[in-house]
């Protein structure tokens, strides 16, 4: 069950307010073992982070770290879904 998430994100001095994303989404079979699989973040925010890296305003590590709130929420979502599945495990 996927649902929307809104988070403010910070990368060094850059603050992006109300960045929208989703967790629990299903994507292609590629990158299933990569961190963040099952989460999405609005493209304009990602492009703004990349532009700030390109301009030297923030580092790539700061841009990556700014997405941590979405990764954290994705981890939470996985725990919630595991608990829900366990409640209905009739094996």
Protein backbone atom coordinates (compact mmCIF):
# COMPACT_ATOMS: atom_id res chain seq x y z
CA UNK A 1 0.00 0.00 0.00
CA UNK A 2 1.68 3.17 -1.19
CA UNK A 3 0.97 6.59 0.20
CA UNK A 4 2.16 10.17 -0.11
CA UNK A 5 4.72 11.74 2.15
CA UNK A 6 5.66 15.41 2.49
CA UNK A 7 8.92 16.39 4.16
CA UNK A 8 11.08 19.48 4.42
CA UNK A 9 14.62 18.56 3.44
CA UNK A 10 17.92 20.25 4.23
CA UNK A 11 21.22 19.95 2.36
CA UNK A 12 23.85 22.17 3.92
CA UNK A 13 22.47 25.72 3.67
CA UNK A 14 19.76 24.69 1.19
CA UNK A 15 16.28 24.06 2.60
CA UNK A 16 13.51 22.73 0.38
CA UNK A 17 10.09 23.05 1.97
CA UNK A 18 7.26 20.59 1.45
CA UNK A 19 8.97 18.10 -0.82
CA UNK A 20 6.44 15.48 -1.91
CA UNK A 21 7.14 11.85 -2.39
CA UNK A 22 5.67 8.43 -1.85
CA UNK A 23 6.62 5.26 -0.06
CA UNK A 24 5.53 1.71 -0.68
CA UNK A 25 5.37 2.04 -4.45
CA UNK A 26 6.25 -0.81 -6.77
CA UNK A 27 8.77 -0.14 -9.50
CA UNK A 28 10.54 -2.08 -12.22
CA UNK A 29 12.67 -5.08 -11.39
CA UNK A 30 15.84 -2.97 -11.74
CA UNK A 31 17.65 -1.69 -8.64
CA UNK A 32 15.49 -3.72 -6.23
CA UNK A 33 18.51 -4.16 -3.95
CA UNK A 34 19.37 -0.44 -3.90
CA UNK A 35 18.61 1.85 -0.95
CA UNK A 36 15.38 3.72 -1.53
CA UNK A 37 13.67 1.08 -3.67
CA UNK A 38 9.95 1.61 -3.15
CA UNK A 39 10.20 5.36 -2.53
CA UNK A 40 9.83 8.28 -4.92
CA UNK A 41 10.68 11.96 -4.55
CA UNK A 42 9.37 14.74 -6.77
CA UNK A 43 11.67 15.39 -9.69
CA UNK A 44 11.80 19.22 -9.30
CA UNK A 45 13.28 18.82 -5.82
CA UNK A 46 15.86 16.32 -7.06
CA UNK A 47 16.78 18.64 -9.92
CA UNK A 48 17.14 21.54 -7.48
CA UNK A 49 19.50 19.44 -5.34
CA UNK A 50 21.56 18.51 -8.41
CA UNK A 51 21.71 22.14 -9.55
CA UNK A 52 22.96 23.15 -6.11
CA UNK A 53 25.67 20.46 -6.30
CA UNK A 54 26.62 21.64 -9.79
CA UNK A 55 26.83 25.25 -8.58
CA UNK A 56 29.05 24.22 -5.65
CA UNK A 57 26.47 25.34 -3.06
CA UNK A 58 26.25 21.87 -1.52
CA UNK A 59 28.17 18.62 -1.80
CA UNK A 60 26.85 15.43 -3.36
CA UNK A 61 26.93 13.85 0.10
CA UNK A 62 24.74 16.68 1.44
CA UNK A 63 22.28 16.20 -1.43
CA UNK A 64 22.14 12.48 -0.76
CA UNK A 65 21.75 13.07 2.97
CA UNK A 66 18.86 15.45 2.34
CA UNK A 67 16.80 12.49 1.13
CA UNK A 68 17.23 10.65 4.44
CA UNK A 69 13.73 11.61 5.69
CA UNK A 70 12.26 9.66 2.77
CA UNK A 71 14.53 6.68 3.43
CA UNK A 72 13.58 6.78 7.11
CA UNK A 73 9.87 6.85 6.24
CA UNK A 74 10.40 3.98 3.80
CA UNK A 75 12.02 1.91 6.56
CA UNK A 76 9.07 2.74 8.82
CA UNK A 77 6.68 1.70 6.06
CA UNK A 78 8.46 -1.66 5.68
CA UNK A 79 8.16 -2.31 9.41
CA UNK A 80 4.46 -1.40 9.33
CA UNK A 81 3.81 -3.72 6.39
CA UNK A 82 5.76 -6.56 8.03
CA UNK A 83 3.67 -6.16 11.20
CA UNK A 84 0.46 -6.09 9.17
CA UNK A 85 1.46 -9.21 7.25
CA UNK A 86 2.33 -11.00 10.50
CA UNK A 87 -1.17 -10.32 11.83
CA UNK A 88 -2.65 -12.18 8.86
CA UNK A 89 -0.15 -15.03 8.65
CA UNK A 90 -2.24 -18.19 8.86
CA UNK A 91 0.50 -20.70 8.08
